[in-house]
PDB file of N, CA and C in Angstrom:
ATOM      1  N   UNK A   1      29.525 -35.867  25.604  1.00  0.00           N
ATOM      2  CA  UNK A   1      29.196 -34.465  25.766  1.00  0.00           C
ATOM      3  C   UNK A   1      29.034 -33.815  24.393  1.00  0.00           C
ATOM      4  N   UNK A   2      28.018 -33.005  24.244  1.00  0.00           N
ATOM      5  CA  UNK A   2      27.773 -32.341  22.971  1.00  0.00           C
ATOM      6  C   UNK A   2      28.676 -31.120  22.849  1.00  0.00           C
ATOM      7  N   UNK A   3      29.299 -30.986  21.694  1.00  0.00           N
ATOM      8  CA  UNK A   3      30.106 -29.809  21.373  1.00  0.00           C
ATOM      9  C   UNK A   3      29.223 -28.900  20.524  1.00  0.00           C
ATOM     10  N   UNK A   4      28.772 -27.763  21.113  1.00  0.00           N
ATOM     11  CA  UNK A   4      27.795 -26.948  20.393  1.00  0.00           C
ATOM     12  C   UNK A   4      28.330 -26.358  19.099  1.00  0.00           C
ATOM     13  N   UNK A   5      29.637 -26.255  18.965  1.00  0.00           N
ATOM     14  CA  UNK A   5      30.177 -25.712  17.718  1.00  0.00           C
ATOM     15  C   UNK A   5      30.161 -26.747  16.596  1.00  0.00           C
ATOM     16  N   UNK A   6      30.047 -28.021  16.935  1.00  0.00           N
ATOM     17  CA  UNK A   6      30.087 -29.077  15.918  1.00  0.00           C
ATOM     18  C   UNK A   6      28.836 -29.947  15.886  1.00  0.00           C
ATOM     19  N   UNK A   7      28.155 -30.093  17.019  1.00  0.00           N
ATOM     20  CA  UNK A   7      27.095 -31.091  17.124  1.00  0.00           C
ATOM     21  C   UNK A   7      25.682 -30.529  17.025  1.00  0.00           C
ATOM     22  N   UNK A   8      25.534 -29.223  16.823  1.00  0.00           N
ATOM     23  CA  UNK A   8      24.209 -28.624  16.660  1.00  0.00           C
ATOM     24  C   UNK A   8      24.179 -27.959  15.293  1.00  0.00           C
ATOM     25  N   UNK A   9      23.303 -28.429  14.428  1.00  0.00           N
ATOM     26  CA  UNK A   9      23.232 -27.951  13.040  1.00  0.00           C
ATOM     27  C   UNK A   9      21.779 -27.799  12.613  1.00  0.00           C
ATOM     28  N   UNK A  10      21.578 -27.022  11.566  1.00  0.00           N
ATOM     29  CA  UNK A  10      20.222 -26.858  11.040  1.00  0.00           C
ATOM     30  C   UNK A  10      19.835 -28.097  10.231  1.00  0.00           C
ATOM     31  N   UNK A  11      18.542 -28.344  10.182  1.00  0.00           N
ATOM     32  CA  UNK A  11      18.040 -29.491   9.430  1.00  0.00           C
ATOM     33  C   UNK A  11      18.380 -29.355   7.949  1.00  0.00           C
ATOM     34  N   UNK A  12      18.266 -28.132   7.410  1.00  0.00           N
ATOM     35  CA  UNK A  12      18.574 -27.955   5.988  1.00  0.00           C
ATOM     36  C   UNK A  12      20.056 -28.222   5.704  1.00  0.00           C
ATOM     37  N   UNK A  13      20.932 -27.834   6.622  1.00  0.00           N
ATOM     38  CA  UNK A  13      22.359 -28.127   6.459  1.00  0.00           C
ATOM     39  C   UNK A  13      22.595 -29.639   6.488  1.00  0.00           C
ATOM     40  N   UNK A  14      21.895 -30.324   7.390  1.00  0.00           N
ATOM     41  CA  UNK A  14      22.020 -31.779   7.476  1.00  0.00           C
ATOM     42  C   UNK A  14      21.573 -32.435   6.170  1.00  0.00           C
ATOM     43  N   UNK A  15      20.454 -31.946   5.614  1.00  0.00           N
ATOM     44  CA  UNK A  15      19.949 -32.525   4.367  1.00  0.00           C
ATOM     45  C   UNK A  15      20.946 -32.346   3.221  1.00  0.00           C
ATOM     46  N   UNK A  16      21.627 -31.193   3.193  1.00  0.00           N
ATOM     47  CA  UNK A  16      22.603 -30.927   2.121  1.00  0.00           C
ATOM     48  C   UNK A  16      23.872 -31.752   2.271  1.00  0.00           C
ATOM     49  N   UNK A  17      24.247 -32.071   3.517  1.00  0.00           N
ATOM     50  CA  UNK A  17      25.522 -32.756   3.781  1.00  0.00           C
ATOM     51  C   UNK A  17      25.340 -34.016   4.619  1.00  0.00           C
ATOM     52  N   UNK A  18      24.309 -34.765   4.326  1.00  0.00           N
ATOM     53  CA  UNK A  18      23.941 -35.936   5.126  1.00  0.00           C
ATOM     54  C   UNK A  18      25.100 -36.918   5.319  1.00  0.00           C
ATOM     55  N   UNK A  19      25.809 -37.245   4.269  1.00  0.00           N
ATOM     56  CA  UNK A  19      26.893 -38.239   4.373  1.00  0.00           C
ATOM     57  C   UNK A  19      28.004 -37.745   5.303  1.00  0.00           C
ATOM     58  N   UNK A  20      28.352 -36.462   5.189  1.00  0.00           N
ATOM     59  CA  UNK A  20      29.394 -35.905   6.058  1.00  0.00           C
ATOM     60  C   UNK A  20      28.976 -35.967   7.529  1.00  0.00           C
ATOM     61  N   UNK A  21      27.719 -35.615   7.793  1.00  0.00           N
ATOM     62  CA  UNK A  21      27.252 -35.618   9.181  1.00  0.00           C
ATOM     63  C   UNK A  21      27.138 -37.037   9.742  1.00  0.00           C
ATOM     64  N   UNK A  22      26.729 -37.971   8.910  1.00  0.00           N
ATOM     65  CA  UNK A  22      26.659 -39.359   9.377  1.00  0.00           C
ATOM     66  C   UNK A  22      28.062 -39.860   9.721  1.00  0.00           C
ATOM     67  N   UNK A  23      29.037 -39.483   8.921  1.00  0.00           N
ATOM     68  CA  UNK A  23      30.423 -39.848   9.217  1.00  0.00           C
ATOM     69  C   UNK A  23      30.877 -39.197  10.527  1.00  0.00           C
ATOM     70  N   UNK A  24      30.518 -37.938  10.724  1.00  0.00           N
ATOM     71  CA  UNK A  24      30.862 -37.237  11.962  1.00  0.00           C
ATOM     72  C   UNK A  24      30.277 -37.957  13.175  1.00  0.00           C
ATOM     73  N   UNK A  25      29.034 -38.376  13.075  1.00  0.00           N
ATOM     74  CA  UNK A  25      28.372 -39.087  14.181  1.00  0.00           C
ATOM     75  C   UNK A  25      29.109 -40.397  14.478  1.00  0.00           C
ATOM     76  N   UNK A  26      29.442 -41.127  13.421  1.00  0.00           N
ATOM     77  CA  UNK A  26      30.139 -42.406  13.617  1.00  0.00           C
ATOM     78  C   UNK A  26      31.516 -42.222  14.255  1.00  0.00           C
ATOM     79  N   UNK A  27      32.281 -41.247  13.779  1.00  0.00           N
ATOM     80  CA  UNK A  27      33.649 -41.091  14.274  1.00  0.00           C
ATOM     81  C   UNK A  27      33.714 -40.422  15.646  1.00  0.00           C
ATOM     82  N   UNK A  28      32.809 -39.488  15.917  1.00  0.00           N
ATOM     83  CA  UNK A  28      32.871 -38.769  17.197  1.00  0.00           C
ATOM     84  C   UNK A  28      32.140 -39.511  18.316  1.00  0.00           C
ATOM     85  N   UNK A  29      31.113 -40.268  17.932  1.00  0.00           N
ATOM     86  CA  UNK A  29      30.284 -40.929  18.935  1.00  0.00           C
ATOM     87  C   UNK A  29      29.306 -39.977  19.609  1.00  0.00           C
ATOM     88  N   UNK A  30      29.276 -38.713  19.164  1.00  0.00           N
ATOM     89  CA  UNK A  30      28.369 -37.721  19.724  1.00  0.00           C
ATOM     90  C   UNK A  30      27.071 -37.685  18.937  1.00  0.00           C
ATOM     91  N   UNK A  31      25.968 -37.389  19.610  1.00  0.00           N
ATOM     92  CA  UNK A  31      24.718 -37.207  18.869  1.00  0.00           C
ATOM     93  C   UNK A  31      24.778 -35.898  18.090  1.00  0.00           C
ATOM     94  N   UNK A  32      23.913 -35.742  17.129  1.00  0.00           N
ATOM     95  CA  UNK A  32      23.804 -34.523  16.356  1.00  0.00           C
ATOM     96  C   UNK A  32      22.443 -33.919  16.650  1.00  0.00           C
ATOM     97  N   UNK A  33      22.410 -32.662  17.047  1.00  0.00           N
ATOM     98  CA  UNK A  33      21.164 -31.965  17.340  1.00  0.00           C
ATOM     99  C   UNK A  33      20.811 -31.132  16.123  1.00  0.00           C
ATOM    100  N   UNK A  34      19.598 -31.300  15.616  1.00  0.00           N
ATOM    101  CA  UNK A  34      19.151 -30.571  14.439  1.00  0.00           C
ATOM    102  C   UNK A  34      18.139 -29.513  14.845  1.00  0.00           C
ATOM    103  N   UNK A  35      18.328 -28.279  14.335  1.00  0.00           N
ATOM    104  CA  UNK A  35      17.408 -27.193  14.641  1.00  0.00           C
ATOM    105  C   UNK A  35      16.493 -26.948  13.450  1.00  0.00           C
ATOM    106  N   UNK A  36      15.309 -26.393  13.714  1.00  0.00           N
ATOM    107  CA  UNK A  36      14.317 -26.176  12.672  1.00  0.00           C
ATOM    108  C   UNK A  36      13.712 -24.781  12.822  1.00  0.00           C
ATOM    109  N   UNK A  37      13.414 -24.128  11.705  1.00  0.00           N
ATOM    110  CA  UNK A  37      12.643 -22.883  11.656  1.00  0.00           C
ATOM    111  C   UNK A  37      13.121 -21.787  12.596  1.00  0.00           C
ATOM    112  N   UNK A  38      14.307 -21.272  12.348  1.00  0.00           N
ATOM    113  CA  UNK A  38      14.769 -20.114  13.082  1.00  0.00           C
ATOM    114  C   UNK A  38      15.437 -20.393  14.408  1.00  0.00           C
ATOM    115  N   UNK A  39      15.416 -21.605  14.877  1.00  0.00           N
ATOM    116  CA  UNK A  39      16.077 -21.899  16.141  1.00  0.00           C
ATOM    117  C   UNK A  39      17.583 -21.712  16.032  1.00  0.00           C
ATOM    118  N   UNK A  40      18.079 -21.619  14.812  1.00  0.00           N
ATOM    119  CA  UNK A  40      19.523 -21.440  14.599  1.00  0.00           C
ATOM    120  C   UNK A  40      19.988 -20.098  15.151  1.00  0.00           C
ATOM    121  N   UNK A  41      19.130 -19.059  15.077  1.00  0.00           N
ATOM    122  CA  UNK A  41      19.507 -17.757  15.628  1.00  0.00           C
ATOM    123  C   UNK A  41      19.715 -17.858  17.134  1.00  0.00           C
ATOM    124  N   UNK A  42      18.827 -18.537  17.812  1.00  0.00           N
ATOM    125  CA  UNK A  42      18.978 -18.722  19.260  1.00  0.00           C
ATOM    126  C   UNK A  42      20.242 -19.519  19.547  1.00  0.00           C
ATOM    127  N   UNK A  43      20.517 -20.477  18.721  1.00  0.00           N
ATOM    128  CA  UNK A  43      21.719 -21.282  18.881  1.00  0.00           C
ATOM    129  C   UNK A  43      22.969 -20.417  18.746  1.00  0.00           C
ATOM    130  N   UNK A  44      22.985 -19.525  17.774  1.00  0.00           N
ATOM    131  CA  UNK A  44      24.147 -18.649  17.588  1.00  0.00           C
ATOM    132  C   UNK A  44      24.340 -17.757  18.806  1.00  0.00           C
ATOM    133  N   UNK A  45      23.233 -17.266  19.381  1.00  0.00           N
ATOM    134  CA  UNK A  45      23.327 -16.457  20.589  1.00  0.00           C
ATOM    135  C   UNK A  45      23.896 -17.254  21.752  1.00  0.00           C
ATOM    136  N   UNK A  46      23.479 -18.508  21.857  1.00  0.00           N
ATOM    137  CA  UNK A  46      23.987 -19.381  22.913  1.00  0.00           C
ATOM    138  C   UNK A  46      25.473 -19.643  22.722  1.00  0.00           C
ATOM    139  N   UNK A  47      25.883 -19.894  21.485  1.00  0.00           N
ATOM    140  CA  UNK A  47      27.307 -20.109  21.201  1.00  0.00           C
ATOM    141  C   UNK A  47      28.129 -18.888  21.592  1.00  0.00           C
ATOM    142  N   UNK A  48      27.620 -17.689  21.247  1.00  0.00           N
ATOM    143  CA  UNK A  48      28.339 -16.466  21.581  1.00  0.00           C
ATOM    144  C   UNK A  48      28.433 -16.301  23.094  1.00  0.00           C
ATOM    145  N   UNK A  49      27.338 -16.571  23.803  1.00  0.00           N
ATOM    146  CA  UNK A  49      27.349 -16.462  25.261  1.00  0.00           C
ATOM    147  C   UNK A  49      28.348 -17.410  25.898  1.00  0.00           C
ATOM    148  N   UNK A  50      28.379 -18.638  25.436  1.00  0.00           N
ATOM    149  CA  UNK A  50      29.328 -19.606  25.982  1.00  0.00           C
ATOM    150  C   UNK A  50      30.763 -19.217  25.653  1.00  0.00           C
ATOM    151  N   UNK A  51      30.955 -18.667  24.467  1.00  0.00           N
ATOM    152  CA  UNK A  51      32.282 -18.190  24.087  1.00  0.00           C
ATOM    153  C   UNK A  51      32.718 -17.044  24.998  1.00  0.00           C
ATOM    154  N   UNK A  52      31.789 -16.146  25.318  1.00  0.00           N
ATOM    155  CA  UNK A  52      32.098 -15.043  26.235  1.00  0.00           C
ATOM    156  C   UNK A  52      32.472 -15.561  27.614  1.00  0.00           C
ATOM    157  N   UNK A  53      31.772 -16.573  28.092  1.00  0.00           N
ATOM    158  CA  UNK A  53      32.091 -17.148  29.399  1.00  0.00           C
ATOM    159  C   UNK A  53      33.483 -17.759  29.376  1.00  0.00           C
ATOM    160  N   UNK A  54      33.778 -18.529  28.335  1.00  0.00           N
ATOM    161  CA  UNK A  54      35.088 -19.164  28.233  1.00  0.00           C
ATOM    162  C   UNK A  54      36.219 -18.140  28.158  1.00  0.00           C
ATOM    163  N   UNK A  55      35.948 -16.970  27.541  1.00  0.00           N
ATOM    164  CA  UNK A  55      36.971 -15.928  27.393  1.00  0.00           C
ATOM    165  C   UNK A  55      36.938 -14.941  28.564  1.00  0.00           C
ATOM    166  N   UNK A  56      36.128 -15.230  29.566  1.00  0.00           N
ATOM    167  CA  UNK A  56      36.002 -14.392  30.765  1.00  0.00           C
ATOM    168  C   UNK A  56      35.516 -12.980  30.435  1.00  0.00           C
ATOM    169  N   UNK A  57      34.622 -12.870  29.445  1.00  0.00           N
ATOM    170  CA  UNK A  57      34.003 -11.587  29.101  1.00  0.00           C
ATOM    171  C   UNK A  57      32.615 -11.541  29.737  1.00  0.00           C
ATOM    172  N   UNK A  58      32.585 -11.612  31.061  1.00  0.00           N
ATOM    173  CA  UNK A  58      31.319 -11.649  31.793  1.00  0.00           C
ATOM    174  C   UNK A  58      31.355 -10.634  32.941  1.00  0.00           C
ATOM    175  N   UNK A  59      30.163 -10.303  33.453  1.00  0.00           N
ATOM    176  CA  UNK A  59      30.028  -9.399  34.588  1.00  0.00           C
ATOM    177  C   UNK A  59      29.245 -10.124  35.670  1.00  0.00           C
ATOM    178  N   UNK A  60      29.730 -10.128  36.904  1.00  0.00           N
ATOM    179  CA  UNK A  60      28.974 -10.765  37.988  1.00  0.00           C
ATOM    180  C   UNK A  60      27.579 -10.136  38.116  1.00  0.00           C
ATOM    181  N   UNK A  61      26.598 -10.934  38.462  1.00  0.00           N
ATOM    182  CA  UNK A  61      25.211 -10.489  38.523  1.00  0.00           C
ATOM    183  C   UNK A  61      25.034  -9.272  39.424  1.00  0.00           C
ATOM    184  N   UNK A  62      25.619  -9.285  40.631  1.00  0.00           N
ATOM    185  CA  UNK A  62      25.439  -8.154  41.548  1.00  0.00           C
ATOM    186  C   UNK A  62      25.997  -6.867  40.952  1.00  0.00           C
ATOM    187  N   UNK A  63      27.128  -6.955  40.271  1.00  0.00           N
ATOM    188  CA  UNK A  63      27.722  -5.769  39.643  1.00  0.00           C
ATOM    189  C   UNK A  63      26.831  -5.266  38.514  1.00  0.00           C
ATOM    190  N   UNK A  64      26.351  -6.174  37.684  1.00  0.00           N
ATOM    191  CA  UNK A  64      25.461  -5.789  36.588  1.00  0.00           C
ATOM    192  C   UNK A  64      24.207  -5.123  37.132  1.00  0.00           C
ATOM    193  N   UNK A  65      23.600  -5.733  38.147  1.00  0.00           N
ATOM    194  CA  UNK A  65      22.357  -5.186  38.694  1.00  0.00           C
ATOM    195  C   UNK A  65      22.571  -3.792  39.265  1.00  0.00           C
ATOM    196  N   UNK A  66      23.655  -3.593  40.001  1.00  0.00           N
ATOM    197  CA  UNK A  66      23.942  -2.276  40.583  1.00  0.00           C
ATOM    198  C   UNK A  66      24.118  -1.231  39.481  1.00  0.00           C
ATOM    199  N   UNK A  67      24.865  -1.564  38.440  1.00  0.00           N
ATOM    200  CA  UNK A  67      25.080  -0.628  37.335  1.00  0.00           C
ATOM    201  C   UNK A  67      23.782  -0.368  36.581  1.00  0.00           C
ATOM    202  N   UNK A  68      23.006  -1.404  36.357  1.00  0.00           N
ATOM    203  CA  UNK A  68      21.729  -1.288  35.652  1.00  0.00           C
ATOM    204  C   UNK A  68      20.794  -0.346  36.406  1.00  0.00           C
ATOM    205  N   UNK A  69      20.653  -0.572  37.706  1.00  0.00           N
ATOM    206  CA  UNK A  69      19.771   0.268  38.518  1.00  0.00           C
ATOM    207  C   UNK A  69      20.261   1.710  38.559  1.00  0.00           C
ATOM    208  N   UNK A  70      21.560   1.916  38.678  1.00  0.00           N
ATOM    209  CA  UNK A  70      22.130   3.270  38.752  1.00  0.00           C
ATOM    210  C   UNK A  70      21.868   4.032  37.458  1.00  0.00           C
ATOM    211  N   UNK A  71      22.129   3.409  36.303  1.00  0.00           N
ATOM    212  CA  UNK A  71      21.958   4.106  35.027  1.00  0.00           C
ATOM    213  C   UNK A  71      20.497   4.418  34.723  1.00  0.00           C
ATOM    214  N   UNK A  72      19.582   3.685  35.330  1.00  0.00           N
ATOM    215  CA  UNK A  72      18.156   3.915  35.079  1.00  0.00           C
ATOM    216  C   UNK A  72      17.449   4.628  36.233  1.00  0.00           C
ATOM    217  N   UNK A  73      18.226   5.044  37.218  1.00  0.00           N
ATOM    218  CA  UNK A  73      17.655   5.774  38.342  1.00  0.00           C
ATOM    219  C   UNK A  73      16.729   4.935  39.213  1.00  0.00           C
ATOM    220  N   UNK A  74      16.979   3.647  39.267  1.00  0.00           N
ATOM    221  CA  UNK A  74      16.141   2.756  40.082  1.00  0.00           C
ATOM    222  C   UNK A  74      16.751   2.622  41.482  1.00  0.00           C
ATOM    223  N   UNK A  75      15.904   2.459  42.503  1.00  0.00           N
ATOM    224  CA  UNK A  75      16.463   2.287  43.860  1.00  0.00           C
ATOM    225  C   UNK A  75      17.196   0.957  43.987  1.00  0.00           C
ATOM    226  N   UNK A  76      18.131   0.922  44.917  1.00  0.00           N
ATOM    227  CA  UNK A  76      18.862  -0.316  45.201  1.00  0.00           C
ATOM    228  C   UNK A  76      17.902  -1.341  45.768  1.00  0.00           C
ATOM    229  N   UNK A  77      18.162  -2.576  45.489  1.00  0.00           N
ATOM    230  CA  UNK A  77      17.354  -3.674  46.033  1.00  0.00           C
ATOM    231  C   UNK A  77      17.829  -3.988  47.419  1.00  0.00           C
ATOM    232  N   UNK A  78      16.884  -4.092  48.354  1.00  0.00           N
ATOM    233  CA  UNK A  78      17.291  -4.526  49.705  1.00  0.00           C
ATOM    234  C   UNK A  78      17.358  -6.031  49.721  1.00  0.00           C
ATOM    235  N   UNK A  79      18.355  -6.534  50.379  1.00  0.00           N
ATOM    236  CA  UNK A  79      18.556  -7.995  50.373  1.00  0.00           C
ATOM    237  C   UNK A  79      18.254  -8.554  51.722  1.00  0.00           C
TER     238      UNK A  79
END
């Protein structure tokens, strides 16, 4: 299983620390995912989202939708 906090890195970071990352791959047995050209920002957002889920800082979809529609004056969705 990939650990996104350790196993996803930028290509430039890998190039700077190649020996360390190769050692990490050997000792962990996990693959290393390398990001290129700005994909690191999306990765950081994903890490934050997963961290929020793990810390139970989430809102159920139905609750979010009801609040979203109310604050914007949108009609309720019929189900």
